[in-house]
Protein backbone atom coordinates (compact mmCIF):
# COMPACT_ATOMS: atom_id res chain seq x y z
CA MET A 1 20.41 -16.01 1.72
CA ALA A 2 17.82 -15.31 4.42
CA ARG A 3 14.27 -16.20 3.57
CA THR A 4 12.12 -13.27 2.58
CA ARG A 5 9.38 -12.38 5.04
CA PRO A 6 6.04 -13.75 3.70
CA LEU A 7 4.17 -11.05 1.87
CA ARG A 8 0.84 -12.48 2.96
CA ALA A 9 1.42 -10.86 6.37
CA ILE A 10 0.21 -7.62 4.81
CA ALA A 11 -3.40 -6.85 5.65
CA PRO A 12 -5.75 -6.51 2.61
CA ALA A 13 -7.31 -3.12 1.94
CA ALA A 14 -10.81 -2.93 3.40
CA LEU A 15 -12.87 -1.92 0.41
CA SER A 16 -16.38 -2.76 -0.75
CA VAL A 17 -17.48 -2.67 -4.36
CA ALA A 18 -20.52 -0.73 -3.22
CA VAL A 19 -18.48 1.99 -1.52
CA ALA A 20 -18.53 5.40 -3.16
CA VAL A 21 -14.97 5.68 -4.39
CA VAL A 22 -13.28 9.04 -4.31
CA ALA A 23 -11.52 8.22 -7.55
CA VAL A 24 -8.25 9.82 -8.52
CA SER A 25 -6.49 8.74 -11.68
CA LEU A 26 -2.71 8.64 -11.38
CA GLY A 27 -0.51 8.70 -14.45
CA GLY A 28 3.04 7.49 -14.72
CA CYS A 29 5.44 4.86 -15.94
CA ALA A 30 8.41 3.00 -14.50
CA SER A 31 10.14 6.29 -13.71
CA ALA A 32 8.26 9.58 -13.91
CA MET A 33 6.25 10.71 -16.89
CA PRO A 34 8.23 12.85 -19.36
CA GLY A 35 8.10 16.43 -18.20
CA THR A 36 7.40 15.51 -14.58
CA ASP A 37 9.74 15.04 -11.64
CA VAL A 38 9.92 12.46 -8.90
CA ALA A 39 8.65 13.92 -5.64
CA ASP A 40 11.20 15.57 -3.39
CA PRO A 41 12.66 12.91 -1.03
CA ASP A 42 12.12 15.12 2.01
CA THR A 43 8.47 15.58 1.09
CA ILE A 44 8.03 11.84 0.61
CA ALA A 45 9.66 11.26 4.00
CA ALA A 46 7.43 13.79 5.74
CA ARG A 47 4.18 12.48 4.29
CA ALA A 48 5.05 8.80 4.68
CA SER A 49 6.57 8.99 8.15
CA ALA A 50 3.48 10.77 9.47
CA VAL A 51 1.51 7.54 8.99
CA GLY A 52 4.22 4.99 9.75
CA ILE A 53 5.28 4.14 6.18
CA ALA A 54 8.98 3.98 5.30
CA PRO A 55 9.74 6.62 2.64
CA GLU A 56 11.73 4.13 0.56
CA LEU A 57 8.65 1.90 0.33
CA VAL A 58 6.38 4.55 -1.20
CA TYR A 59 5.40 3.55 -4.74
CA THR A 60 2.43 4.05 -7.01
CA THR A 61 1.18 2.64 -10.30
CA GLU A 62 -1.41 3.26 -13.02
CA VAL A 63 -3.54 1.03 -15.21
CA ASP A 64 -6.06 2.09 -17.83
CA GLY A 65 -9.59 1.88 -16.47
CA TYR A 66 -8.58 1.88 -12.80
CA ASP A 67 -8.69 4.81 -10.39
CA LEU A 68 -6.95 5.15 -7.07
CA ALA A 69 -9.19 4.91 -4.00
CA PRO A 70 -7.39 7.34 -1.65
CA GLN A 71 -9.16 5.94 1.42
CA SER A 72 -7.43 2.60 0.77
CA VAL A 73 -3.92 3.99 1.17
CA GLY A 74 -2.25 2.98 4.42
CA THR A 75 0.35 0.82 6.07
CA GLY A 76 1.11 -2.70 4.96
CA ALA A 77 3.52 -5.24 6.42
CA ALA A 78 5.72 -3.62 9.08
CA ASP A 79 6.50 -0.20 7.57
CA GLY A 80 5.33 -0.95 4.03
CA MET A 81 2.47 0.64 2.11
CA SER A 82 -0.80 -0.65 0.67
CA ALA A 83 -3.02 1.05 -1.91
CA THR A 84 -5.92 -0.10 -4.08
CA TRP A 85 -7.21 0.92 -7.51
CA PHE A 86 -10.83 0.40 -8.53
CA ASN A 87 -12.45 -0.21 -11.93
CA GLN A 88 -15.90 1.34 -11.71
CA ALA A 89 -17.10 -0.38 -14.88
CA THR A 90 -16.30 -3.94 -13.76
CA GLY A 91 -15.98 -3.70 -9.97
CA ALA A 92 -12.47 -5.20 -10.21
CA MET A 93 -9.84 -4.03 -7.75
CA LEU A 94 -6.07 -4.31 -7.80
CA THR A 95 -3.81 -3.63 -4.86
CA ILE A 96 -0.10 -2.93 -4.52
CA ARG A 97 1.67 -3.78 -1.26
CA THR A 98 5.26 -2.88 -0.55
CA ASP A 99 7.77 -4.57 1.70
CA ARG A 100 11.52 -5.00 2.03
CA GLY A 101 13.36 -7.93 0.51
CA GLU A 102 14.57 -9.70 -2.59
CA LEU A 103 13.32 -12.59 -4.69
CA THR A 104 15.11 -15.60 -6.09
CA ALA A 105 13.63 -18.61 -7.85
CA ALA A 106 13.78 -20.50 -4.53
CA SER A 107 12.39 -17.80 -2.23
CA CYS A 108 9.67 -16.84 -4.70
CA ALA A 109 8.23 -20.34 -4.60
CA GLU A 110 8.43 -20.47 -0.80
CA ILE A 111 6.26 -17.39 -0.21
CA PRO A 112 2.57 -18.38 0.07
CA LEU A 113 0.20 -16.75 -2.39
CA TRP A 114 -1.88 -13.93 -0.96
CA ASP A 115 -5.28 -15.46 -1.71
CA ALA A 116 -4.35 -19.16 -1.91
CA SER A 117 -1.97 -19.81 0.98
CA ASP A 118 -2.16 -23.61 0.65
CA ALA A 119 -1.49 -23.76 -3.10
CA ALA A 120 1.86 -24.81 -4.56
CA VAL A 121 3.49 -21.73 -6.08
CA THR A 122 4.94 -21.59 -9.58
CA CYS A 123 7.27 -18.68 -10.34
CA THR A 124 8.53 -17.26 -13.61
CA GLU A 125 10.61 -14.11 -14.03
CA GLU A 126 10.97 -11.79 -17.00
CA ASP A 127 12.58 -8.36 -17.10
CA GLY A 128 12.55 -8.05 -13.30
CA ILE A 129 8.88 -8.96 -12.83
CA TRP A 130 7.92 -12.22 -11.15
CA HIS A 131 4.69 -13.99 -12.06
CA ARG A 132 3.49 -16.13 -9.17
CA SER A 133 0.57 -18.50 -9.68
CA GLY A 134 -1.17 -21.43 -8.04
CA GLY A 135 -4.69 -22.61 -7.33
CA GLY A 136 -6.07 -20.30 -10.00
CA VAL A 137 -4.55 -17.23 -8.31
CA HIS A 138 -2.12 -14.89 -10.06
CA GLU A 139 0.22 -12.36 -8.47
CA TYR A 140 2.97 -10.18 -9.87
CA VAL A 141 5.95 -8.90 -7.91
CA THR A 142 8.54 -6.38 -9.00
CA VAL A 143 11.73 -5.57 -7.11
CA ARG A 144 12.98 -1.96 -6.99
CA ASP A 145 15.98 -0.80 -4.95
CA GLY A 146 15.53 -3.37 -2.20
CA ALA A 147 11.73 -3.01 -2.14
CA LEU A 148 9.27 -5.73 -3.08
CA ILE A 149 6.08 -4.43 -4.68
CA MET A 150 3.40 -7.10 -4.89
CA VAL A 151 0.34 -6.67 -7.11
CA THR A 152 -2.78 -8.68 -6.30
CA GLY A 153 -6.39 -8.47 -7.40
CA MET A 154 -9.99 -9.00 -6.34
CA ASN A 155 -13.28 -9.43 -8.17
CA ASN A 156 -11.89 -11.22 -11.22
CA VAL A 157 -9.13 -8.79 -12.16
CA PRO A 158 -7.63 -9.94 -15.48
CA SER A 159 -4.08 -11.21 -15.16
CA GLU A 160 -2.96 -8.77 -17.83
CA ASP A 161 -4.15 -5.85 -15.68
CA LEU A 162 -2.07 -7.10 -12.76
CA LEU A 163 0.95 -7.38 -15.04
CA ALA A 164 0.36 -3.87 -16.38
CA ALA A 165 0.23 -2.54 -12.81
CA ALA A 166 3.50 -4.28 -11.94
CA GLU A 167 5.17 -2.89 -15.05
CA ALA A 168 3.97 0.64 -14.25
CA VAL A 169 5.17 0.72 -10.63
CA HIS A 170 7.20 3.87 -9.95
CA VAL A 171 8.13 6.42 -7.30
CA PRO A 172 5.38 9.08 -7.34
CA SER A 173 5.79 12.56 -8.72
CA GLY A 174 4.99 15.51 -6.47
CA ALA A 175 1.39 15.68 -7.70
CA GLU A 176 0.95 11.92 -7.44
CA LEU A 177 2.29 11.96 -3.88
CA GLU A 178 -0.27 14.54 -2.81
CA LEU A 179 -3.07 12.50 -4.38
CA LEU A 180 -1.75 9.25 -2.93
CA PHE A 181 -1.74 10.64 0.63
CA SER A 182 -4.75 12.94 0.23
CA ASP A 183 -6.87 10.93 2.69
CA LEU A 184 -4.11 10.66 5.32
CA PRO A 185 -2.83 13.17 7.90
CA LYS A 186 0.15 15.33 6.98
CA VAL A 187 1.59 15.29 10.49
CA PRO A 188 1.60 12.63 13.22
CA ALA A 189 -1.38 12.84 15.54
CA ALA A 190 -0.34 14.48 18.82
CA PRO A 191 -1.39 12.88 22.11
CA VAL A 192 -4.35 14.55 23.78
CA GLU A 193 -3.35 16.57 26.83
CA ARG A 194 -5.73 16.19 29.78
CA GLY A 195 -5.81 19.10 32.19
CA ASP A 196 -8.28 17.59 34.64
CA LEU A 197 -6.21 14.71 36.06
CA PRO A 198 -4.87 14.62 39.64
CA ASP A 199 -1.22 15.58 40.09
CA ASN A 200 -0.49 12.39 42.01
CA GLY A 201 -1.75 8.85 42.04
CA ASP A 202 -3.95 7.08 39.55
CA GLY A 203 -7.24 8.71 40.32
CA ALA A 204 -10.16 9.63 38.09
CA PRO A 205 -10.45 13.01 36.37
CA ILE A 206 -11.37 15.88 38.65
CA ASP A 207 -14.93 17.04 38.04
CA PRO A 208 -15.54 20.31 39.93
CA VAL A 209 -18.80 20.39 41.85
CA GLY A 210 -21.26 22.87 40.44
CA PRO A 211 -23.95 24.89 42.25
CA GLY A 212 -26.18 22.65 44.32
CA GLY A 213 -23.54 19.92 44.86
């Protein structure tokens, strides 16, 4: 089996504890909450594709005490997604990053830890969730329909909170999708059309001469 692409290639969300978080609490469980529906696939595709995220890699989570920071939502490795939740009481942050792939006991141990790339990795798996640890760092990874969803933390996030986030990973409902992408454009940015460039050559923009030269 081909080696899984290292998850540490995903860029961390640029957040500061001091930043004013536009907090949005997302509810859910492994599927959708009772009485709610998973977002329409076409809607997921439209919102995700507008920012370069593969629709099949769009996931969310929820953990008591943590609120989504919408400004943290963006692309991860290749066409994956990254999003961060913030605990205003403790300053702790947890992040989910999505990518394509699978995990085995061998490949799990080969992937460097996000925040301790030189540490030997120990992996244990229970009910589809992998606990990866080494050098005092803990990560949790769940595999859903060919997607790897990695949960990492900052600012002394308790390991049990990371596990709870991994257990609660799910495809967003319609309302959760809107909140998840609320700080991102709904359509791809169109290139700016310049009407003041010469028809031929590689010259500078044409600036008409005003009165007086």
